[in-house]
PDB file of N, CA and C in Angstrom:
ATOM      1  N   MET A   1      49.130   0.295  -9.019  1.00  0.00           N
ATOM      2  CA  MET A   1      47.706  -0.739  -8.759  1.00  0.00           C
ATOM      3  C   MET A   1      46.329  -0.353  -8.841  1.00  0.00           C
ATOM      4  N   VAL A   2      46.662   0.795  -8.182  1.00  0.00           N
ATOM      5  CA  VAL A   2      45.474   0.952  -8.021  1.00  0.00           C
ATOM      6  C   VAL A   2      44.549   1.489  -9.919  1.00  0.00           C
ATOM      7  N   ALA A   3      45.929   2.312 -10.347  1.00  0.00           N
ATOM      8  CA  ALA A   3      45.727   2.957 -11.968  1.00  0.00           C
ATOM      9  C   ALA A   3      45.121   1.373 -12.683  1.00  0.00           C
ATOM     10  N   ALA A   4      45.827   0.612 -11.842  1.00  0.00           N
ATOM     11  CA  ALA A   4      45.423  -1.188 -13.167  1.00  0.00           C
ATOM     12  C   ALA A   4      43.973  -1.528 -12.849  1.00  0.00           C
ATOM     13  N   VAL A   5      43.043  -0.891 -11.602  1.00  0.00           N
ATOM     14  CA  VAL A   5      42.268  -2.034 -11.082  1.00  0.00           C
ATOM     15  C   VAL A   5      40.682  -1.136 -12.031  1.00  0.00           C
ATOM     16  N   LEU A   6      41.390   0.533 -11.583  1.00  0.00           N
ATOM     17  CA  LEU A   6      40.476   1.454 -12.591  1.00  0.00           C
ATOM     18  C   LEU A   6      40.332   1.689 -13.865  1.00  0.00           C
ATOM     19  N   THR A   7      41.371   1.341 -14.422  1.00  0.00           N
ATOM     20  CA  THR A   7      40.873   0.849 -16.021  1.00  0.00           C
ATOM     21  C   THR A   7      40.162   0.173 -16.599  1.00  0.00           C
ATOM     22  N   LEU A   8      40.770  -1.320 -15.842  1.00  0.00           N
ATOM     23  CA  LEU A   8      40.278  -2.909 -15.950  1.00  0.00           C
ATOM     24  C   LEU A   8      38.752  -2.308 -15.470  1.00  0.00           C
ATOM     25  N   LEU A   9      38.928  -1.541 -14.992  1.00  0.00           N
ATOM     26  CA  LEU A   9      36.538  -0.645 -14.405  1.00  0.00           C
ATOM     27  C   LEU A   9      36.164   0.104 -15.777  1.00  0.00           C
ATOM     28  N   TRP A  10      36.655   1.012 -15.498  1.00  0.00           N
ATOM     29  CA  TRP A  10      36.252   2.265 -16.596  1.00  0.00           C
ATOM     30  C   TRP A  10      36.877   1.957 -17.606  1.00  0.00           C
ATOM     31  N   ARG A  11      37.437   1.051 -18.101  1.00  0.00           N
ATOM     32  CA  ARG A  11      37.503   1.138 -19.813  1.00  0.00           C
ATOM     33  C   ARG A  11      37.292  -0.894 -20.063  1.00  0.00           C
ATOM     34  N   GLN A  12      36.195  -1.393 -19.284  1.00  0.00           N
ATOM     35  CA  GLN A  12      35.715  -2.430 -19.447  1.00  0.00           C
ATOM     36  C   GLN A  12      37.073  -3.286 -19.912  1.00  0.00           C
ATOM     37  N   VAL A  13      37.601  -3.278 -19.458  1.00  0.00           N
ATOM     38  CA  VAL A  13      39.391  -4.843 -19.851  1.00  0.00           C
ATOM     39  C   VAL A  13      38.632  -6.163 -20.167  1.00  0.00           C
ATOM     40  N   PRO A  14      38.470  -6.669 -20.593  1.00  0.00           N
ATOM     41  CA  PRO A  14      37.889  -8.154 -20.908  1.00  0.00           C
ATOM     42  C   PRO A  14      38.270  -8.802 -19.953  1.00  0.00           C
ATOM     43  N   GLY A  15      40.186  -8.995 -20.014  1.00  0.00           N
ATOM     44  CA  GLY A  15      40.814 -10.031 -19.192  1.00  0.00           C
ATOM     45  C   GLY A  15      42.388  -9.121 -18.523  1.00  0.00           C
ATOM     46  N   VAL A  16      42.974 -10.324 -17.957  1.00  0.00           N
ATOM     47  CA  VAL A  16      44.592  -9.262 -17.274  1.00  0.00           C
ATOM     48  C   VAL A  16      45.398  -9.765 -18.788  1.00  0.00           C
ATOM     49  N   GLN A  17      44.632 -10.602 -19.366  1.00  0.00           N
ATOM     50  CA  GLN A  17      46.088 -10.149 -21.007  1.00  0.00           C
ATOM     51  C   GLN A  17      45.807  -9.696 -21.550  1.00  0.00           C
ATOM     52  N   GLU A  18      44.826  -8.410 -22.018  1.00  0.00           N
ATOM     53  CA  GLU A  18      44.191  -7.508 -23.066  1.00  0.00           C
ATOM     54  C   GLU A  18      45.155  -6.296 -21.738  1.00  0.00           C
ATOM     55  N   LEU A  19      44.915  -6.144 -20.392  1.00  0.00           N
ATOM     56  CA  LEU A  19      45.204  -5.571 -19.356  1.00  0.00           C
ATOM     57  C   LEU A  19      46.482  -5.254 -19.399  1.00  0.00           C
ATOM     58  N   ASN A  20      47.406  -6.191 -19.855  1.00  0.00           N
ATOM     59  CA  ASN A  20      49.437  -6.259 -20.179  1.00  0.00           C
ATOM     60  C   ASN A  20      49.278  -5.680 -21.237  1.00  0.00           C
ATOM     61  N   ARG A  21      48.694  -5.698 -21.939  1.00  0.00           N
ATOM     62  CA  ARG A  21      48.924  -5.455 -23.771  1.00  0.00           C
ATOM     63  C   ARG A  21      48.953  -3.710 -22.972  1.00  0.00           C
ATOM     64  N   LEU A  22      47.886  -2.839 -22.845  1.00  0.00           N
ATOM     65  CA  LEU A  22      47.111  -2.011 -22.613  1.00  0.00           C
ATOM     66  C   LEU A  22      48.532  -1.365 -21.867  1.00  0.00           C
ATOM     67  N   LEU A  23      48.665  -1.839 -20.971  1.00  0.00           N
ATOM     68  CA  LEU A  23      50.117  -1.004 -19.644  1.00  0.00           C
ATOM     69  C   LEU A  23      51.252  -0.789 -20.490  1.00  0.00           C
ATOM     70  N   ALA A  24      51.639  -2.266 -20.847  1.00  0.00           N
ATOM     71  CA  ALA A  24      52.547  -1.947 -21.983  1.00  0.00           C
ATOM     72  C   ALA A  24      52.580  -1.062 -23.489  1.00  0.00           C
ATOM     73  N   ARG A  25      51.337  -1.119 -24.017  1.00  0.00           N
ATOM     74  CA  ARG A  25      51.069  -0.640 -25.120  1.00  0.00           C
ATOM     75  C   ARG A  25      50.821   0.945 -24.768  1.00  0.00           C
ATOM     76  N   GLU A  26      50.237   1.786 -23.935  1.00  0.00           N
ATOM     77  CA  GLU A  26      49.638   2.971 -23.604  1.00  0.00           C
ATOM     78  C   GLU A  26      49.761   3.184 -22.179  1.00  0.00           C
ATOM     79  N   GLY A  27      50.282   2.779 -21.375  1.00  0.00           N
ATOM     80  CA  GLY A  27      49.702   3.453 -20.243  1.00  0.00           C
ATOM     81  C   GLY A  27      48.492   2.730 -19.392  1.00  0.00           C
ATOM     82  N   LEU A  28      48.291   3.281 -18.618  1.00  0.00           N
ATOM     83  CA  LEU A  28      46.985   3.561 -17.346  1.00  0.00           C
ATOM     84  C   LEU A  28      46.683   4.694 -17.060  1.00  0.00           C
ATOM     85  N   LEU A  29      46.104   5.318 -17.255  1.00  0.00           N
ATOM     86  CA  LEU A  29      45.337   6.955 -16.518  1.00  0.00           C
ATOM     87  C   LEU A  29      46.813   7.382 -16.128  1.00  0.00           C
ATOM     88  N   TRP A  30      47.034   7.571 -14.830  1.00  0.00           N
ATOM     89  CA  TRP A  30      47.735   8.217 -14.905  1.00  0.00           C
ATOM     90  C   TRP A  30      49.271   7.728 -14.507  1.00  0.00           C
ATOM     91  N   CYS A  31      49.663   6.079 -15.019  1.00  0.00           N
ATOM     92  CA  CYS A  31      50.885   5.267 -15.200  1.00  0.00           C
ATOM     93  C   CYS A  31      51.194   5.765 -16.679  1.00  0.00           C
ATOM     94  N   GLY A  32      52.779   5.580 -16.812  1.00  0.00           N
ATOM     95  CA  GLY A  32      52.997   5.409 -18.055  1.00  0.00           C
ATOM     96  C   GLY A  32      53.295   4.157 -18.697  1.00  0.00           C
ATOM     97  N   VAL A  33      54.238   4.039 -19.592  1.00  0.00           N
ATOM     98  CA  VAL A  33      54.005   2.555 -20.160  1.00  0.00           C
ATOM     99  C   VAL A  33      55.213   2.068 -19.067  1.00  0.00           C
ATOM    100  N   THR A  34      54.112   0.768 -19.228  1.00  0.00           N
ATOM    101  CA  THR A  34      55.160   0.296 -18.107  1.00  0.00           C
ATOM    102  C   THR A  34      54.858  -1.701 -18.512  1.00  0.00           C
ATOM    103  N   LYS A  35      56.548  -2.493 -17.955  1.00  0.00           N
ATOM    104  CA  LYS A  35      56.370  -3.534 -18.240  1.00  0.00           C
ATOM    105  C   LYS A  35      55.894  -4.616 -16.886  1.00  0.00           C
ATOM    106  N   VAL A  36      54.862  -4.972 -17.080  1.00  0.00           N
ATOM    107  CA  VAL A  36      54.828  -5.668 -15.412  1.00  0.00           C
ATOM    108  C   VAL A  36      54.675  -7.694 -15.989  1.00  0.00           C
ATOM    109  N   ALA A  37      54.687  -7.967 -15.105  1.00  0.00           N
ATOM    110  CA  ALA A  37      54.651  -9.201 -15.552  1.00  0.00           C
ATOM    111  C   ALA A  37      53.115 -10.304 -15.631  1.00  0.00           C
ATOM    112  N   GLN A  38      52.509 -11.024 -16.363  1.00  0.00           N
ATOM    113  CA  GLN A  38      50.752 -10.949 -16.617  1.00  0.00           C
ATOM    114  C   GLN A  38      51.226 -11.914 -15.316  1.00  0.00           C
ATOM    115  N   GLN A  39      51.987 -12.927 -14.520  1.00  0.00           N
ATOM    116  CA  GLN A  39      51.396 -13.357 -13.350  1.00  0.00           C
ATOM    117  C   GLN A  39      51.626 -12.517 -12.389  1.00  0.00           C
ATOM    118  N   SER A  40      52.227 -11.389 -12.011  1.00  0.00           N
ATOM    119  CA  SER A  40      51.835 -10.012 -11.416  1.00  0.00           C
ATOM    120  C   SER A  40      50.142  -9.303 -11.802  1.00  0.00           C
ATOM    121  N   LEU A  41      49.957  -9.436 -12.120  1.00  0.00           N
ATOM    122  CA  LEU A  41      48.499  -8.908 -12.570  1.00  0.00           C
ATOM    123  C   LEU A  41      47.470  -9.665 -12.266  1.00  0.00           C
ATOM    124  N   PHE A  42      48.185 -11.101 -12.626  1.00  0.00           N
ATOM    125  CA  PHE A  42      46.843 -12.135 -12.432  1.00  0.00           C
ATOM    126  C   PHE A  42      47.030 -11.994 -11.101  1.00  0.00           C
ATOM    127  N   SER A  43      47.679 -12.464 -10.272  1.00  0.00           N
ATOM    128  CA  SER A  43      47.116 -12.579  -8.753  1.00  0.00           C
ATOM    129  C   SER A  43      46.676 -10.306  -8.269  1.00  0.00           C
ATOM    130  N   LEU A  44      47.257 -10.230  -8.462  1.00  0.00           N
ATOM    131  CA  LEU A  44      46.055  -9.531  -7.831  1.00  0.00           C
ATOM    132  C   LEU A  44      44.675  -8.652  -8.572  1.00  0.00           C
ATOM    133  N   ILE A  45      44.304  -8.966  -9.320  1.00  0.00           N
ATOM    134  CA  ILE A  45      42.882  -8.942  -9.833  1.00  0.00           C
ATOM    135  C   ILE A  45      41.989 -10.539  -9.300  1.00  0.00           C
ATOM    136  N   PHE A  46      43.154 -11.941  -8.980  1.00  0.00           N
ATOM    137  CA  PHE A  46      42.741 -12.490  -8.167  1.00  0.00           C
ATOM    138  C   PHE A  46      42.107 -12.424  -6.743  1.00  0.00           C
ATOM    139  N   SER A  47      43.903 -11.330  -5.932  1.00  0.00           N
ATOM    140  CA  SER A  47      43.388 -11.703  -4.326  1.00  0.00           C
ATOM    141  C   SER A  47      41.986 -10.032  -4.340  1.00  0.00           C
ATOM    142  N   ILE A  48      41.602  -8.802  -5.448  1.00  0.00           N
ATOM    143  CA  ILE A  48      41.241  -8.428  -5.020  1.00  0.00           C
ATOM    144  C   ILE A  48      39.275  -8.923  -5.272  1.00  0.00           C
ATOM    145  N   SER A  49      39.725 -10.289  -5.976  1.00  0.00           N
ATOM    146  CA  SER A  49      38.017 -11.231  -5.780  1.00  0.00           C
ATOM    147  C   SER A  49      37.916 -11.740  -5.777  1.00  0.00           C
ATOM    148  N   CYS A  50      38.144 -11.934  -4.528  1.00  0.00           N
ATOM    149  CA  CYS A  50      39.014 -13.713  -3.319  1.00  0.00           C
ATOM    150  C   CYS A  50      37.807 -12.714  -1.882  1.00  0.00           C
TER     151      CYS A  50
END
């Protein structure tokens, strides 16, 4: 999940849906291509922002 947050900031990803597409299509930093539920990514971003 650290890779997801760093990618979100580094590549200036506009939203969770696009982050999910990147993860499924390209992978994130040191993580390979992975299928993740959009709800779990949303929960991660929401928990960090609070």
